[in-house]
Amino acid sequence: MYRAVTHDIQVTVEPFYLVEESDPDTRQFLWAYTVEIVNHGTETVRLRARRWLIVDGAGREEEVRGLGVVGEQPVLAPGERYEYTSGCPLRTPSGMMKGSYEMEDMNGGRFEVAIPAFSLDIPGEVRSIN
């Protein structure tokens, strides 16, 4: 599990390899990851946007930006949590992801929250990067 706290917003990520969905013969390696976001602050916030940097084992980078997460822009009051699961395909058996969320407080102020860097490694394989 990987964890970061920024501006009293805790982001925890747990990746897992999808062996049944992957096909190493065709260089298709699929991961899912579950993200938990907890508001430890005193103000209600909304997750507006996301930015991911995905790096495969060969060092190829891909940046992904978009509104919300999994089609939602969740609102978190103090003490509330939000969890979602998404996925990531790679052409190599290892890689890493990191990123940030753009959050907005109820007064319209926006700020970035770090998504911790996390490894995507097939269990039992030699890691290429991390």
N, C-alpha and C. Protein backbone atom coordinates (compact mmCIF):
# COMPACT_ATOMS: atom_id res chain seq x y z
N MET A 1 0.84 -1.17 0.00
CA MET A 1 0.00 0.00 0.00
C MET A 1 0.89 1.24 0.00
N TYR A 2 0.44 2.27 -0.72
CA TYR A 2 1.19 3.51 -0.85
C TYR A 2 0.31 4.65 -0.35
N ARG A 3 0.91 5.61 0.37
CA ARG A 3 0.10 6.64 1.00
C ARG A 3 0.81 8.00 0.94
N ALA A 4 0.01 9.06 0.74
CA ALA A 4 0.51 10.44 0.78
C ALA A 4 -0.57 11.30 1.43
N VAL A 5 -0.13 12.34 2.13
CA VAL A 5 -1.06 13.30 2.73
C VAL A 5 -0.63 14.70 2.29
N THR A 6 -1.58 15.43 1.69
CA THR A 6 -1.35 16.80 1.25
C THR A 6 -2.55 17.64 1.67
N HIS A 7 -2.33 18.76 2.31
CA HIS A 7 -3.42 19.65 2.72
C HIS A 7 -4.52 18.89 3.48
N ASP A 8 -4.12 17.97 4.36
CA ASP A 8 -5.04 17.17 5.17
C ASP A 8 -5.90 16.21 4.36
N ILE A 9 -5.54 15.96 3.11
CA ILE A 9 -6.22 14.97 2.29
C ILE A 9 -5.27 13.78 2.14
N GLN A 10 -5.72 12.62 2.62
CA GLN A 10 -4.92 11.40 2.54
C GLN A 10 -5.34 10.58 1.33
N VAL A 11 -4.34 10.19 0.52
CA VAL A 11 -4.58 9.35 -0.65
C VAL A 11 -3.80 8.06 -0.46
N THR A 12 -4.50 6.94 -0.49
CA THR A 12 -3.89 5.62 -0.36
C THR A 12 -4.18 4.82 -1.62
N VAL A 13 -3.16 4.16 -2.16
CA VAL A 13 -3.31 3.38 -3.39
C VAL A 13 -2.83 1.96 -3.14
N GLU A 14 -3.62 1.00 -3.62
CA GLU A 14 -3.21 -0.40 -3.56
C GLU A 14 -3.36 -1.01 -4.96
N PRO A 15 -2.23 -1.25 -5.65
CA PRO A 15 -2.29 -1.85 -6.99
C PRO A 15 -2.30 -3.38 -6.91
N PHE A 16 -2.86 -3.99 -7.94
CA PHE A 16 -2.80 -5.45 -8.04
C PHE A 16 -2.81 -5.86 -9.51
N TYR A 17 -2.04 -6.90 -9.81
CA TYR A 17 -1.88 -7.41 -11.17
C TYR A 17 -3.07 -8.27 -11.53
N LEU A 18 -3.59 -8.07 -12.74
CA LEU A 18 -4.74 -8.83 -13.22
C LEU A 18 -4.25 -9.95 -14.13
N VAL A 19 -3.86 -11.05 -13.54
CA VAL A 19 -3.26 -12.16 -14.30
C VAL A 19 -4.23 -12.72 -15.33
N GLU A 20 -5.49 -12.85 -15.00
CA GLU A 20 -6.48 -13.41 -15.92
C GLU A 20 -6.76 -12.49 -17.11
N GLU A 21 -6.55 -11.19 -16.94
CA GLU A 21 -6.83 -10.22 -17.99
C GLU A 21 -5.59 -9.94 -18.85
N SER A 22 -4.43 -10.38 -18.39
CA SER A 22 -3.17 -10.08 -19.07
C SER A 22 -2.81 -11.18 -20.06
N ASP A 23 -1.98 -10.80 -21.05
CA ASP A 23 -1.50 -11.76 -22.05
C ASP A 23 -0.04 -11.43 -22.36
N PRO A 24 0.89 -12.01 -21.57
CA PRO A 24 2.30 -11.71 -21.79
C PRO A 24 2.79 -11.99 -23.20
N ASP A 25 2.20 -12.98 -23.89
CA ASP A 25 2.62 -13.31 -25.26
C ASP A 25 2.40 -12.15 -26.23
N THR A 26 1.40 -11.33 -25.96
CA THR A 26 1.12 -10.17 -26.82
C THR A 26 1.53 -8.86 -26.15
N ARG A 27 2.31 -8.93 -25.09
CA ARG A 27 2.83 -7.76 -24.37
C ARG A 27 1.70 -6.90 -23.80
N GLN A 28 0.66 -7.55 -23.27
CA GLN A 28 -0.45 -6.86 -22.62
C GLN A 28 -0.45 -7.24 -21.14
N PHE A 29 -0.07 -6.30 -20.30
CA PHE A 29 -0.01 -6.51 -18.86
C PHE A 29 -0.99 -5.53 -18.22
N LEU A 30 -1.96 -6.04 -17.49
CA LEU A 30 -3.01 -5.18 -16.94
C LEU A 30 -2.97 -5.17 -15.42
N TRP A 31 -3.11 -3.98 -14.88
CA TRP A 31 -3.19 -3.78 -13.44
C TRP A 31 -4.48 -3.06 -13.10
N ALA A 32 -4.97 -3.30 -11.92
CA ALA A 32 -6.03 -2.49 -11.34
C ALA A 32 -5.43 -1.84 -10.09
N TYR A 33 -6.02 -0.77 -9.67
CA TYR A 33 -5.58 -0.12 -8.44
C TYR A 33 -6.80 0.48 -7.75
N THR A 34 -6.81 0.34 -6.44
CA THR A 34 -7.87 0.91 -5.63
C THR A 34 -7.31 2.13 -4.92
N VAL A 35 -8.04 3.24 -5.02
CA VAL A 35 -7.64 4.49 -4.40
C VAL A 35 -8.65 4.84 -3.32
N GLU A 36 -8.15 5.19 -2.14
CA GLU A 36 -8.99 5.71 -1.07
C GLU A 36 -8.54 7.13 -0.79
N ILE A 37 -9.51 8.05 -0.77
CA ILE A 37 -9.25 9.46 -0.47
C ILE A 37 -10.01 9.80 0.80
N VAL A 38 -9.29 10.32 1.80
CA VAL A 38 -9.91 10.66 3.09
C VAL A 38 -9.65 12.13 3.39
N ASN A 39 -10.71 12.84 3.75
CA ASN A 39 -10.59 14.25 4.11
C ASN A 39 -10.38 14.36 5.62
N HIS A 40 -9.13 14.61 6.04
CA HIS A 40 -8.80 14.80 7.45
C HIS A 40 -8.84 16.28 7.84
N GLY A 41 -9.26 17.13 6.91
CA GLY A 41 -9.29 18.56 7.16
C GLY A 41 -10.59 19.01 7.81
N THR A 42 -10.76 20.32 7.87
CA THR A 42 -11.93 20.91 8.52
C THR A 42 -12.91 21.52 7.51
N GLU A 43 -12.57 21.45 6.21
CA GLU A 43 -13.43 22.02 5.17
C GLU A 43 -13.89 20.94 4.20
N THR A 44 -15.08 21.11 3.65
CA THR A 44 -15.58 20.23 2.60
C THR A 44 -14.84 20.55 1.31
N VAL A 45 -14.48 19.50 0.55
CA VAL A 45 -13.75 19.67 -0.71
C VAL A 45 -14.38 18.81 -1.80
N ARG A 46 -14.16 19.21 -3.03
CA ARG A 46 -14.60 18.44 -4.20
C ARG A 46 -13.38 18.09 -5.04
N LEU A 47 -13.32 16.84 -5.50
CA LEU A 47 -12.27 16.42 -6.42
C LEU A 47 -12.71 16.85 -7.83
N ARG A 48 -11.97 17.77 -8.42
CA ARG A 48 -12.33 18.31 -9.73
C ARG A 48 -11.68 17.58 -10.90
N ALA A 49 -10.36 17.28 -10.77
CA ALA A 49 -9.63 16.73 -11.91
C ALA A 49 -8.51 15.82 -11.42
N ARG A 50 -7.99 15.05 -12.36
CA ARG A 50 -6.87 14.15 -12.06
C ARG A 50 -5.79 14.32 -13.12
N ARG A 51 -4.57 13.99 -12.70
CA ARG A 51 -3.41 13.96 -13.60
C ARG A 51 -2.58 12.76 -13.21
N TRP A 52 -2.33 11.87 -14.16
CA TRP A 52 -1.51 10.68 -13.92
C TRP A 52 -0.28 10.73 -14.83
N LEU A 53 0.83 10.26 -14.30
CA LEU A 53 2.02 9.99 -15.10
C LEU A 53 2.25 8.49 -14.99
N ILE A 54 2.23 7.82 -16.13
CA ILE A 54 2.41 6.37 -16.19
C ILE A 54 3.72 6.10 -16.92
N VAL A 55 4.60 5.32 -16.30
CA VAL A 55 5.90 5.00 -16.90
C VAL A 55 6.02 3.48 -16.95
N ASP A 56 6.29 2.93 -18.15
CA ASP A 56 6.45 1.49 -18.23
C ASP A 56 7.91 1.09 -17.99
N GLY A 57 8.18 -0.19 -17.99
CA GLY A 57 9.51 -0.71 -17.68
C GLY A 57 10.58 -0.30 -18.67
N ALA A 58 10.19 0.16 -19.86
CA ALA A 58 11.15 0.64 -20.86
C ALA A 58 11.36 2.14 -20.75
N GLY A 59 10.72 2.78 -19.78
CA GLY A 59 10.88 4.21 -19.58
C GLY A 59 9.94 5.07 -20.40
N ARG A 60 9.03 4.45 -21.17
CA ARG A 60 8.06 5.24 -21.93
C ARG A 60 7.06 5.88 -20.98
N GLU A 61 6.80 7.17 -21.18
CA GLU A 61 5.91 7.93 -20.31
C GLU A 61 4.61 8.27 -21.03
N GLU A 62 3.54 8.24 -20.27
CA GLU A 62 2.24 8.68 -20.77
C GLU A 62 1.58 9.51 -19.69
N GLU A 63 1.08 10.68 -20.07
CA GLU A 63 0.37 11.54 -19.13
C GLU A 63 -1.11 11.46 -19.45
N VAL A 64 -1.92 11.30 -18.41
CA VAL A 64 -3.37 11.23 -18.56
C VAL A 64 -3.98 12.30 -17.68
N ARG A 65 -4.83 13.14 -18.28
CA ARG A 65 -5.53 14.19 -17.54
C ARG A 65 -7.02 14.06 -17.81
N GLY A 66 -7.83 14.46 -16.85
CA GLY A 66 -9.26 14.43 -17.07
C GLY A 66 -10.01 14.97 -15.88
N LEU A 67 -11.30 15.19 -16.10
CA LEU A 67 -12.16 15.66 -15.03
C LEU A 67 -12.53 14.50 -14.11
N GLY A 68 -12.53 14.75 -12.82
CA GLY A 68 -12.98 13.77 -11.85
C GLY A 68 -12.24 12.45 -11.92
N VAL A 69 -12.88 11.42 -11.35
CA VAL A 69 -12.37 10.06 -11.37
C VAL A 69 -13.54 9.12 -11.64
N VAL A 70 -13.34 8.14 -12.48
CA VAL A 70 -14.37 7.17 -12.88
C VAL A 70 -15.73 7.83 -13.09
N GLY A 71 -15.71 8.98 -13.78
CA GLY A 71 -16.94 9.67 -14.12
C GLY A 71 -17.59 10.47 -13.00
N GLU A 72 -16.91 10.64 -11.89
CA GLU A 72 -17.48 11.36 -10.75
C GLU A 72 -16.55 12.47 -10.30
N GLN A 73 -17.13 13.47 -9.64
CA GLN A 73 -16.39 14.53 -8.96
C GLN A 73 -16.87 14.53 -7.52
N PRO A 74 -16.35 13.58 -6.73
CA PRO A 74 -16.90 13.40 -5.38
C PRO A 74 -16.65 14.59 -4.45
N VAL A 75 -17.61 14.80 -3.56
CA VAL A 75 -17.52 15.82 -2.51
C VAL A 75 -17.25 15.09 -1.20
N LEU A 76 -16.23 15.55 -0.47
CA LEU A 76 -15.88 14.94 0.80
C LEU A 76 -15.97 15.98 1.92
N ALA A 77 -16.90 15.78 2.82
CA ALA A 77 -16.98 16.61 4.02
C ALA A 77 -15.87 16.17 4.98
N PRO A 78 -15.56 16.97 5.99
CA PRO A 78 -14.54 16.56 6.96
C PRO A 78 -14.84 15.17 7.52
N GLY A 79 -13.82 14.31 7.50
CA GLY A 79 -13.95 12.95 8.01
C GLY A 79 -14.47 11.95 7.01
N GLU A 80 -14.94 12.39 5.85
CA GLU A 80 -15.48 11.45 4.87
C GLU A 80 -14.39 10.85 4.00
N ARG A 81 -14.71 9.71 3.41
CA ARG A 81 -13.78 9.00 2.53
C ARG A 81 -14.49 8.64 1.24
N TYR A 82 -13.70 8.47 0.19
CA TYR A 82 -14.21 8.05 -1.11
C TYR A 82 -13.24 7.02 -1.65
N GLU A 83 -13.77 5.96 -2.25
CA GLU A 83 -12.92 4.89 -2.78
C GLU A 83 -13.39 4.53 -4.17
N TYR A 84 -12.43 4.26 -5.05
CA TYR A 84 -12.75 3.79 -6.39
C TYR A 84 -11.64 2.87 -6.88
N THR A 85 -11.97 2.09 -7.90
CA THR A 85 -11.00 1.19 -8.52
C THR A 85 -10.95 1.49 -10.01
N SER A 86 -9.75 1.53 -10.56
CA SER A 86 -9.56 1.76 -11.98
C SER A 86 -8.45 0.84 -12.46
N GLY A 87 -8.03 1.00 -13.71
CA GLY A 87 -7.03 0.10 -14.24
C GLY A 87 -6.03 0.78 -15.13
N CYS A 88 -4.96 0.04 -15.46
CA CYS A 88 -3.88 0.56 -16.28
C CYS A 88 -3.25 -0.57 -17.08
N PRO A 89 -3.22 -0.45 -18.42
CA PRO A 89 -2.50 -1.44 -19.23
C PRO A 89 -1.06 -0.97 -19.47
N LEU A 90 -0.15 -1.92 -19.53
CA LEU A 90 1.25 -1.63 -19.89
C LEU A 90 1.69 -2.63 -20.95
N ARG A 91 2.75 -2.26 -21.68
CA ARG A 91 3.36 -3.18 -22.66
C ARG A 91 4.56 -3.91 -22.07
N THR A 92 4.88 -3.62 -20.81
CA THR A 92 6.00 -4.27 -20.13
C THR A 92 5.49 -4.88 -18.83
N PRO A 93 6.20 -5.86 -18.27
CA PRO A 93 5.73 -6.50 -17.04
C PRO A 93 5.93 -5.69 -15.77
N SER A 94 6.44 -4.47 -15.89
CA SER A 94 6.56 -3.61 -14.72
C SER A 94 6.45 -2.16 -15.15
N GLY A 95 6.22 -1.32 -14.17
CA GLY A 95 6.11 0.11 -14.42
C GLY A 95 5.79 0.83 -13.13
N MET A 96 5.37 2.08 -13.26
CA MET A 96 4.98 2.85 -12.07
C MET A 96 4.01 3.93 -12.48
N MET A 97 3.27 4.41 -11.48
CA MET A 97 2.33 5.51 -11.69
C MET A 97 2.47 6.49 -10.54
N LYS A 98 2.17 7.73 -10.81
CA LYS A 98 2.07 8.76 -9.78
C LYS A 98 1.20 9.86 -10.37
N GLY A 99 0.79 10.80 -9.53
CA GLY A 99 -0.03 11.86 -10.07
C GLY A 99 -0.52 12.83 -9.02
N SER A 100 -1.63 13.50 -9.36
CA SER A 100 -2.21 14.46 -8.44
C SER A 100 -3.69 14.65 -8.76
N TYR A 101 -4.41 15.10 -7.76
CA TYR A 101 -5.80 15.49 -7.91
C TYR A 101 -5.89 16.99 -7.72
N GLU A 102 -6.75 17.62 -8.51
CA GLU A 102 -7.07 19.02 -8.28
C GLU A 102 -8.33 19.04 -7.43
N MET A 103 -8.21 19.63 -6.25
CA MET A 103 -9.33 19.72 -5.32
C MET A 103 -9.81 21.16 -5.27
N GLU A 104 -11.07 21.32 -4.88
CA GLU A 104 -11.65 22.66 -4.74
C GLU A 104 -12.39 22.73 -3.42
N ASP A 105 -12.12 23.81 -2.65
CA ASP A 105 -12.87 23.99 -1.41
C ASP A 105 -14.19 24.68 -1.73
N MET A 106 -15.06 24.83 -0.78
CA MET A 106 -16.39 25.37 -1.02
C MET A 106 -16.40 26.88 -1.31
N ASN A 107 -15.23 27.54 -1.13
CA ASN A 107 -15.10 28.95 -1.49
C ASN A 107 -14.53 29.13 -2.90
N GLY A 108 -14.30 28.01 -3.60
CA GLY A 108 -13.76 28.07 -4.95
C GLY A 108 -12.26 28.02 -5.04
N GLY A 109 -11.57 27.94 -3.90
CA GLY A 109 -10.11 27.83 -3.91
C GLY A 109 -9.69 26.45 -4.38
N ARG A 110 -8.71 26.41 -5.26
CA ARG A 110 -8.24 25.12 -5.80
C ARG A 110 -6.83 24.83 -5.32
N PHE A 111 -6.54 23.56 -5.12
CA PHE A 111 -5.22 23.13 -4.67
C PHE A 111 -4.96 21.71 -5.14
N GLU A 112 -3.68 21.36 -5.24
CA GLU A 112 -3.26 20.04 -5.69
C GLU A 112 -3.03 19.11 -4.51
N VAL A 113 -3.40 17.85 -4.68
CA VAL A 113 -3.17 16.80 -3.69
C VAL A 113 -2.37 15.71 -4.38
N ALA A 114 -1.28 15.28 -3.76
CA ALA A 114 -0.40 14.27 -4.36
C ALA A 114 -1.02 12.88 -4.31
N ILE A 115 -0.87 12.17 -5.41
CA ILE A 115 -1.13 10.72 -5.45
C ILE A 115 0.25 10.08 -5.34
N PRO A 116 0.48 9.22 -4.34
CA PRO A 116 1.83 8.69 -4.18
C PRO A 116 2.27 7.85 -5.37
N ALA A 117 3.57 7.87 -5.66
CA ALA A 117 4.12 6.99 -6.68
C ALA A 117 3.98 5.55 -6.21
N PHE A 118 3.58 4.67 -7.14
CA PHE A 118 3.46 3.26 -6.77
C PHE A 118 3.92 2.36 -7.92
N SER A 119 4.48 1.23 -7.55
CA SER A 119 5.03 0.28 -8.51
C SER A 119 3.95 -0.64 -9.05
N LEU A 120 4.10 -0.98 -10.32
CA LEU A 120 3.28 -1.99 -10.97
C LEU A 120 4.23 -3.11 -11.35
N ASP A 121 4.29 -4.14 -10.53
CA ASP A 121 5.24 -5.23 -10.73
C ASP A 121 4.51 -6.56 -10.61
N ILE A 122 4.74 -7.43 -11.57
CA ILE A 122 4.17 -8.77 -11.49
C ILE A 122 4.83 -9.49 -10.32
N PRO A 123 4.03 -10.09 -9.45
CA PRO A 123 4.62 -10.82 -8.31
C PRO A 123 5.62 -11.86 -8.79
N GLY A 124 6.81 -11.85 -8.20
CA GLY A 124 7.85 -12.82 -8.53
C GLY A 124 8.75 -12.43 -9.67
N GLU A 125 8.45 -11.33 -10.37
CA GLU A 125 9.29 -10.86 -11.49
C GLU A 125 10.35 -9.89 -10.97
N VAL A 126 11.44 -9.77 -11.72
CA VAL A 126 12.47 -8.79 -11.41
C VAL A 126 11.95 -7.41 -11.79
N ARG A 127 12.07 -6.45 -10.90
CA ARG A 127 11.60 -5.10 -11.15
C ARG A 127 12.53 -4.39 -12.13
N SER A 128 11.92 -3.68 -13.09
CA SER A 128 12.69 -2.89 -14.05
C SER A 128 12.88 -1.47 -13.54
N ILE A 129 11.81 -0.88 -13.02
CA ILE A 129 11.86 0.47 -12.46
C ILE A 129 10.96 0.49 -11.25
N ASN A 130 11.17 1.48 -10.39
CA ASN A 130 10.24 1.70 -9.27
C ASN A 130 10.58 3.00 -8.59
